[in-house]
Amino acid sequence: MSNQLSSQLLPETVLGLTEQLSQYRQQLVKDKTTFNDFDEALTAELQSHAEKRAILSIFDYIEQSTIQSACIQTVLGLTEQISQYHQQLLEAKTTFNDFETALTAELQSHAEKRAILSIFDYIEQSTIESALTKQY
């Protein structure tokens, strides 16, 4: 009786875990979309910012060469920082994609294991039922 109860609980537990993993994957896909949208918006904002800074630098050059030098250094520093942030964002995106790939593989493995356990439970239950039938 305990073994039968255990063999009934295992598929239910595995099914629950599979549903949770599926929900996590759906949330991961949703978060990836949000992440990609943020990346696009950030890239556009960075481009706009760089263009505005270039225009301001030109204006400052016309007015005063000293201010031009300071602006150019500032723009170069900002451009370098923006480039670093963008690179970090790309690396995070790669990590995110790697995690999604690993999660998908784990879900597949989990589904395969669940199928094997279901087959095993069915064979075990059939064997027990067959043995009980022969005894009576």
N, C-alpha and C. Protein backbone atom coordinates (compact mmCIF):
# COMPACT_ATOMS: atom_id res chain seq x y z
N MET A 1 0.83 -1.20 0.00
CA MET A 1 0.00 0.00 0.00
C MET A 1 0.87 1.25 0.00
N SER A 2 1.91 1.25 0.82
CA SER A 2 2.81 2.40 0.90
C SER A 2 3.54 2.60 -0.42
N ASN A 3 3.96 1.48 -1.03
CA ASN A 3 4.66 1.57 -2.31
C ASN A 3 3.73 2.08 -3.40
N GLN A 4 2.46 1.63 -3.37
CA GLN A 4 1.49 2.10 -4.36
C GLN A 4 1.21 3.58 -4.18
N LEU A 5 1.09 4.01 -2.91
CA LEU A 5 0.87 5.43 -2.62
C LEU A 5 2.07 6.24 -3.09
N SER A 6 3.25 5.71 -2.83
CA SER A 6 4.47 6.40 -3.25
C SER A 6 4.55 6.49 -4.76
N SER A 7 4.16 5.41 -5.45
CA SER A 7 4.22 5.43 -6.91
C SER A 7 3.13 6.33 -7.50
N GLN A 8 2.09 6.61 -6.75
CA GLN A 8 1.07 7.56 -7.21
C GLN A 8 1.52 9.00 -6.97
N LEU A 9 2.20 9.22 -5.85
CA LEU A 9 2.64 10.57 -5.51
C LEU A 9 3.78 11.04 -6.40
N LEU A 10 4.64 10.13 -6.81
CA LEU A 10 5.80 10.51 -7.63
C LEU A 10 5.39 11.16 -8.94
N PRO A 11 4.48 10.56 -9.71
CA PRO A 11 4.07 11.25 -10.95
C PRO A 11 3.40 12.60 -10.68
N GLU A 12 2.62 12.68 -9.62
CA GLU A 12 1.98 13.96 -9.30
C GLU A 12 3.03 15.00 -8.95
N THR A 13 4.03 14.60 -8.17
CA THR A 13 5.10 15.51 -7.79
C THR A 13 5.90 15.94 -9.02
N VAL A 14 6.20 14.98 -9.86
CA VAL A 14 6.95 15.28 -11.09
C VAL A 14 6.14 16.20 -11.98
N LEU A 15 4.84 15.95 -12.09
CA LEU A 15 3.98 16.81 -12.90
C LEU A 15 3.96 18.22 -12.34
N GLY A 16 3.86 18.35 -11.03
CA GLY A 16 3.87 19.67 -10.40
C GLY A 16 5.18 20.40 -10.67
N LEU A 17 6.28 19.69 -10.54
CA LEU A 17 7.59 20.30 -10.80
C LEU A 17 7.71 20.70 -12.27
N THR A 18 7.20 19.87 -13.15
CA THR A 18 7.25 20.19 -14.58
C THR A 18 6.43 21.44 -14.87
N GLU A 19 5.28 21.56 -14.25
CA GLU A 19 4.46 22.76 -14.45
C GLU A 19 5.17 24.00 -13.92
N GLN A 20 5.82 23.86 -12.76
CA GLN A 20 6.57 24.99 -12.20
C GLN A 20 7.70 25.40 -13.15
N LEU A 21 8.43 24.43 -13.65
CA LEU A 21 9.53 24.72 -14.57
C LEU A 21 9.00 25.38 -15.84
N SER A 22 7.86 24.91 -16.31
CA SER A 22 7.25 25.52 -17.49
C SER A 22 6.88 26.98 -17.21
N GLN A 23 6.32 27.25 -16.04
CA GLN A 23 5.98 28.62 -15.66
C GLN A 23 7.24 29.47 -15.57
N TYR A 24 8.29 28.93 -14.99
CA TYR A 24 9.55 29.66 -14.89
C TYR A 24 10.08 29.97 -16.29
N ARG A 25 9.96 29.02 -17.20
CA ARG A 25 10.45 29.24 -18.55
C ARG A 25 9.63 30.33 -19.24
N GLN A 26 8.31 30.31 -19.05
CA GLN A 26 7.46 31.35 -19.63
C GLN A 26 7.85 32.72 -19.09
N GLN A 27 8.11 32.79 -17.79
CA GLN A 27 8.51 34.06 -17.19
C GLN A 27 9.86 34.49 -17.74
N LEU A 28 10.74 33.51 -17.95
CA LEU A 28 12.07 33.79 -18.50
C LEU A 28 11.94 34.35 -19.91
N VAL A 29 11.05 33.78 -20.73
CA VAL A 29 10.84 34.29 -22.09
C VAL A 29 10.28 35.71 -22.03
N LYS A 30 9.33 35.94 -21.12
CA LYS A 30 8.75 37.28 -20.97
C LYS A 30 9.83 38.27 -20.54
N ASP A 31 10.66 37.87 -19.58
CA ASP A 31 11.74 38.74 -19.10
C ASP A 31 12.76 38.99 -20.20
N LYS A 32 12.99 37.99 -21.04
CA LYS A 32 13.94 38.17 -22.15
C LYS A 32 13.41 39.21 -23.13
N THR A 33 12.12 39.18 -23.40
CA THR A 33 11.50 40.17 -24.29
C THR A 33 11.65 41.57 -23.69
N THR A 34 11.36 41.68 -22.41
CA THR A 34 11.51 42.97 -21.73
C THR A 34 12.96 43.43 -21.79
N PHE A 35 13.87 42.51 -21.57
CA PHE A 35 15.30 42.81 -21.61
C PHE A 35 15.69 43.30 -23.00
N ASN A 36 15.21 42.63 -24.04
CA ASN A 36 15.54 43.04 -25.41
C ASN A 36 14.94 44.41 -25.73
N ASP A 37 13.71 44.66 -25.26
CA ASP A 37 13.10 45.98 -25.47
C ASP A 37 13.92 47.06 -24.77
N PHE A 38 14.38 46.77 -23.56
CA PHE A 38 15.21 47.72 -22.81
C PHE A 38 16.52 47.97 -23.55
N ASP A 39 17.12 46.92 -24.08
CA ASP A 39 18.37 47.04 -24.83
C ASP A 39 18.18 47.95 -26.04
N GLU A 40 17.09 47.77 -26.78
CA GLU A 40 16.81 48.60 -27.95
C GLU A 40 16.58 50.06 -27.55
N ALA A 41 15.81 50.27 -26.49
CA ALA A 41 15.54 51.65 -26.04
C ALA A 41 16.82 52.32 -25.57
N LEU A 42 17.64 51.57 -24.85
CA LEU A 42 18.90 52.12 -24.35
C LEU A 42 19.83 52.47 -25.52
N THR A 43 19.90 51.62 -26.51
CA THR A 43 20.75 51.88 -27.68
C THR A 43 20.28 53.14 -28.40
N ALA A 44 18.97 53.29 -28.58
CA ALA A 44 18.43 54.48 -29.23
C ALA A 44 18.73 55.73 -28.41
N GLU A 45 18.56 55.63 -27.11
CA GLU A 45 18.83 56.78 -26.24
C GLU A 45 20.32 57.14 -26.25
N LEU A 46 21.17 56.14 -26.27
CA LEU A 46 22.61 56.39 -26.33
C LEU A 46 22.98 57.08 -27.64
N GLN A 47 22.37 56.64 -28.74
CA GLN A 47 22.63 57.25 -30.04
C GLN A 47 22.18 58.71 -30.03
N SER A 48 20.99 58.95 -29.53
CA SER A 48 20.47 60.32 -29.46
C SER A 48 21.36 61.19 -28.58
N HIS A 49 21.79 60.63 -27.47
CA HIS A 49 22.65 61.38 -26.55
C HIS A 49 23.99 61.73 -27.23
N ALA A 50 24.54 60.77 -27.94
CA ALA A 50 25.81 61.00 -28.62
C ALA A 50 25.67 62.09 -29.69
N GLU A 51 24.54 62.07 -30.42
CA GLU A 51 24.31 63.08 -31.44
C GLU A 51 24.17 64.47 -30.82
N LYS A 52 23.42 64.56 -29.74
CA LYS A 52 23.24 65.85 -29.07
C LYS A 52 24.57 66.39 -28.54
N ARG A 53 25.38 65.48 -28.00
CA ARG A 53 26.67 65.91 -27.49
C ARG A 53 27.59 66.39 -28.61
N ALA A 54 27.50 65.74 -29.75
CA ALA A 54 28.32 66.17 -30.88
C ALA A 54 27.91 67.56 -31.34
N ILE A 55 26.61 67.82 -31.41
CA ILE A 55 26.11 69.15 -31.81
C ILE A 55 26.57 70.21 -30.81
N LEU A 56 26.46 69.88 -29.52
CA LEU A 56 26.90 70.83 -28.50
C LEU A 56 28.39 71.10 -28.59
N SER A 57 29.14 70.07 -28.89
CA SER A 57 30.59 70.25 -29.02
C SER A 57 30.93 71.18 -30.18
N ILE A 58 30.22 71.03 -31.29
CA ILE A 58 30.45 71.91 -32.44
C ILE A 58 30.11 73.36 -32.08
N PHE A 59 28.97 73.55 -31.42
CA PHE A 59 28.56 74.89 -31.01
C PHE A 59 29.61 75.52 -30.09
N ASP A 60 30.09 74.76 -29.14
CA ASP A 60 31.10 75.26 -28.21
C ASP A 60 32.41 75.61 -28.92
N TYR A 61 32.77 74.82 -29.92
CA TYR A 61 33.99 75.09 -30.69
C TYR A 61 33.89 76.43 -31.38
N ILE A 62 32.73 76.71 -31.96
CA ILE A 62 32.53 77.99 -32.64
C ILE A 62 32.69 79.14 -31.64
N GLU A 63 32.15 78.98 -30.45
CA GLU A 63 32.21 80.05 -29.46
C GLU A 63 33.57 80.17 -28.79
N GLN A 64 34.14 79.02 -28.46
CA GLN A 64 35.35 79.10 -27.64
C GLN A 64 36.15 77.81 -27.75
N SER A 65 37.42 77.88 -28.06
CA SER A 65 38.25 76.68 -28.24
C SER A 65 38.53 75.98 -26.91
N THR A 66 38.59 76.68 -25.83
CA THR A 66 38.84 76.06 -24.52
C THR A 66 37.67 75.16 -24.11
N ILE A 67 36.47 75.67 -24.33
CA ILE A 67 35.28 74.87 -24.00
C ILE A 67 35.21 73.64 -24.89
N GLN A 68 35.62 73.81 -26.13
CA GLN A 68 35.63 72.69 -27.07
C GLN A 68 36.47 71.54 -26.53
N SER A 69 37.64 71.85 -26.07
CA SER A 69 38.55 70.82 -25.56
C SER A 69 37.92 70.06 -24.40
N ALA A 70 37.31 70.81 -23.49
CA ALA A 70 36.66 70.17 -22.33
C ALA A 70 35.50 69.28 -22.77
N CYS A 71 34.71 69.77 -23.73
CA CYS A 71 33.55 68.99 -24.20
C CYS A 71 33.99 67.71 -24.90
N ILE A 72 35.02 67.83 -25.71
CA ILE A 72 35.50 66.65 -26.42
C ILE A 72 35.97 65.58 -25.43
N GLN A 73 36.71 66.00 -24.41
CA GLN A 73 37.16 65.05 -23.42
C GLN A 73 35.97 64.41 -22.70
N THR A 74 34.98 65.23 -22.38
CA THR A 74 33.79 64.71 -21.72
C THR A 74 33.05 63.73 -22.60
N VAL A 75 32.87 64.10 -23.87
CA VAL A 75 32.17 63.22 -24.81
C VAL A 75 32.93 61.91 -24.98
N LEU A 76 34.25 62.02 -25.11
CA LEU A 76 35.04 60.79 -25.25
C LEU A 76 34.91 59.90 -24.02
N GLY A 77 34.95 60.52 -22.85
CA GLY A 77 34.78 59.74 -21.61
C GLY A 77 33.41 59.10 -21.54
N LEU A 78 32.38 59.87 -21.88
CA LEU A 78 31.02 59.33 -21.88
C LEU A 78 30.86 58.23 -22.92
N THR A 79 31.44 58.46 -24.08
CA THR A 79 31.35 57.45 -25.14
C THR A 79 32.03 56.15 -24.70
N GLU A 80 33.16 56.28 -24.04
CA GLU A 80 33.85 55.09 -23.55
C GLU A 80 33.01 54.38 -22.49
N GLN A 81 32.43 55.15 -21.57
CA GLN A 81 31.56 54.55 -20.54
C GLN A 81 30.35 53.89 -21.18
N ILE A 82 29.73 54.57 -22.13
CA ILE A 82 28.56 54.01 -22.81
C ILE A 82 28.95 52.72 -23.53
N SER A 83 30.08 52.74 -24.16
CA SER A 83 30.56 51.53 -24.86
C SER A 83 30.76 50.39 -23.87
N GLN A 84 31.33 50.70 -22.71
CA GLN A 84 31.53 49.66 -21.69
C GLN A 84 30.18 49.14 -21.18
N TYR A 85 29.24 50.06 -20.93
CA TYR A 85 27.92 49.63 -20.47
C TYR A 85 27.22 48.78 -21.52
N HIS A 86 27.37 49.18 -22.77
CA HIS A 86 26.75 48.41 -23.84
C HIS A 86 27.38 47.02 -23.94
N GLN A 87 28.69 46.93 -23.78
CA GLN A 87 29.37 45.64 -23.81
C GLN A 87 28.90 44.77 -22.65
N GLN A 88 28.77 45.36 -21.46
CA GLN A 88 28.27 44.61 -20.31
C GLN A 88 26.85 44.12 -20.56
N LEU A 89 26.04 44.95 -21.19
CA LEU A 89 24.68 44.57 -21.51
C LEU A 89 24.66 43.39 -22.49
N LEU A 90 25.54 43.43 -23.48
CA LEU A 90 25.63 42.32 -24.43
C LEU A 90 26.09 41.04 -23.73
N GLU A 91 27.04 41.15 -22.81
CA GLU A 91 27.51 39.99 -22.08
C GLU A 91 26.40 39.42 -21.20
N ALA A 92 25.63 40.30 -20.56
CA ALA A 92 24.51 39.85 -19.73
C ALA A 92 23.46 39.16 -20.61
N LYS A 93 23.26 39.69 -21.80
CA LYS A 93 22.30 39.08 -22.73
C LYS A 93 22.77 37.69 -23.13
N THR A 94 24.06 37.53 -23.37
CA THR A 94 24.62 36.22 -23.72
C THR A 94 24.44 35.25 -22.56
N THR A 95 24.72 35.72 -21.35
CA THR A 95 24.53 34.88 -20.16
C THR A 95 23.07 34.48 -20.03
N PHE A 96 22.19 35.43 -20.26
CA PHE A 96 20.75 35.17 -20.19
C PHE A 96 20.36 34.11 -21.21
N ASN A 97 20.86 34.23 -22.43
CA ASN A 97 20.56 33.25 -23.48
C ASN A 97 21.11 31.88 -23.12
N ASP A 98 22.33 31.84 -22.55
CA ASP A 98 22.92 30.57 -22.12
C ASP A 98 22.07 29.92 -21.04
N PHE A 99 21.56 30.74 -20.11
CA PHE A 99 20.71 30.23 -19.04
C PHE A 99 19.42 29.67 -19.62
N GLU A 100 18.85 30.37 -20.60
CA GLU A 100 17.62 29.89 -21.22
C GLU A 100 17.87 28.55 -21.92
N THR A 101 18.98 28.43 -22.60
CA THR A 101 19.33 27.18 -23.27
C THR A 101 19.48 26.04 -22.27
N ALA A 102 20.18 26.33 -21.16
CA ALA A 102 20.37 25.31 -20.12
C ALA A 102 19.03 24.92 -19.50
N LEU A 103 18.17 25.89 -19.27
CA LEU A 103 16.86 25.61 -18.68
C LEU A 103 16.03 24.76 -19.63
N THR A 104 16.07 25.07 -20.91
CA THR A 104 15.33 24.28 -21.89
C THR A 104 15.83 22.84 -21.91
N ALA A 105 17.14 22.66 -21.87
CA ALA A 105 17.71 21.32 -21.84
C ALA A 105 17.29 20.59 -20.57
N GLU A 106 17.28 21.29 -19.46
CA GLU A 106 16.89 20.68 -18.20
C GLU A 106 15.41 20.28 -18.22
N LEU A 107 14.58 21.12 -18.81
CA LEU A 107 13.15 20.78 -18.94
C LEU A 107 12.97 19.53 -19.80
N GLN A 108 13.73 19.45 -20.89
CA GLN A 108 13.65 18.28 -21.76
C GLN A 108 14.09 17.03 -21.01
N SER A 109 15.20 17.14 -20.29
CA SER A 109 15.71 16.01 -19.51
C SER A 109 14.69 15.60 -18.46
N HIS A 110 14.10 16.57 -17.83
CA HIS A 110 13.10 16.30 -16.79
C HIS A 110 11.89 15.58 -17.39
N ALA A 111 11.45 16.02 -18.55
CA ALA A 111 10.31 15.38 -19.22
C ALA A 111 10.64 13.94 -19.59
N GLU A 112 11.87 13.71 -20.05
CA GLU A 112 12.28 12.36 -20.40
C GLU A 112 12.32 11.47 -19.17
N LYS A 113 12.87 11.99 -18.09
CA LYS A 113 12.92 11.23 -16.84
C LYS A 113 11.52 10.92 -16.34
N ARG A 114 10.61 11.89 -16.46
CA ARG A 114 9.23 11.69 -16.03
C ARG A 114 8.58 10.59 -16.86
N ALA A 115 8.84 10.57 -18.14
CA ALA A 115 8.28 9.53 -19.01
C ALA A 115 8.82 8.16 -18.61
N ILE A 116 10.12 8.08 -18.34
CA ILE A 116 10.74 6.82 -17.94
C ILE A 116 10.15 6.35 -16.61
N LEU A 117 9.99 7.26 -15.66
CA LEU A 117 9.41 6.89 -14.37
C LEU A 117 7.96 6.44 -14.52
N SER A 118 7.21 7.06 -15.39
CA SER A 118 5.82 6.65 -15.62
C SER A 118 5.77 5.24 -16.20
N ILE A 119 6.66 4.95 -17.16
CA ILE A 119 6.72 3.60 -17.74
C ILE A 119 7.12 2.59 -16.67
N PHE A 120 8.12 2.94 -15.89
CA PHE A 120 8.58 2.06 -14.82
C PHE A 120 7.45 1.78 -13.84
N ASP A 121 6.72 2.83 -13.43
CA ASP A 121 5.61 2.66 -12.49
C ASP A 121 4.52 1.77 -13.08
N TYR A 122 4.24 1.95 -14.36
CA TYR A 122 3.23 1.13 -15.02
C TYR A 122 3.65 -0.34 -15.04
N ILE A 123 4.90 -0.61 -15.39
CA ILE A 123 5.40 -1.99 -15.43
C ILE A 123 5.37 -2.59 -14.03
N GLU A 124 5.81 -1.80 -13.05
CA GLU A 124 5.83 -2.29 -11.67
C GLU A 124 4.41 -2.60 -11.19
N GLN A 125 3.47 -1.74 -11.48
CA GLN A 125 2.09 -1.94 -11.06
C GLN A 125 1.49 -3.15 -11.77
N SER A 126 1.79 -3.30 -13.05
CA SER A 126 1.28 -4.46 -13.81
C SER A 126 1.85 -5.76 -13.24
N THR A 127 3.11 -5.74 -12.88
CA THR A 127 3.75 -6.93 -12.31
C THR A 127 3.10 -7.30 -10.97
N ILE A 128 2.85 -6.30 -10.15
CA ILE A 128 2.21 -6.55 -8.85
C ILE A 128 0.80 -7.08 -9.05
N GLU A 129 0.04 -6.47 -9.95
CA GLU A 129 -1.32 -6.91 -10.22
C GLU A 129 -1.34 -8.33 -10.78
N SER A 130 -0.38 -8.63 -11.63
CA SER A 130 -0.29 -9.96 -12.20
C SER A 130 0.04 -10.99 -11.12
N ALA A 131 0.95 -10.65 -10.22
CA ALA A 131 1.33 -11.55 -9.14
C ALA A 131 0.15 -11.76 -8.18
N LEU A 132 -0.58 -10.72 -7.91
CA LEU A 132 -1.75 -10.84 -7.01
C LEU A 132 -2.83 -11.68 -7.66
N THR A 133 -3.01 -11.52 -8.95
CA THR A 133 -4.02 -12.30 -9.67
C THR A 133 -3.67 -13.78 -9.66
N LYS A 134 -2.40 -14.10 -9.82
CA LYS A 134 -1.96 -15.50 -9.82
C LYS A 134 -2.12 -16.14 -8.45
N GLN A 135 -1.98 -15.36 -7.39
CA GLN A 135 -2.11 -15.90 -6.04
C GLN A 135 -3.55 -16.21 -5.69
N TYR A 136 -4.48 -15.57 -6.28
CA TYR A 136 -5.90 -15.78 -5.96
C TYR A 136 -6.53 -16.62 -7.01
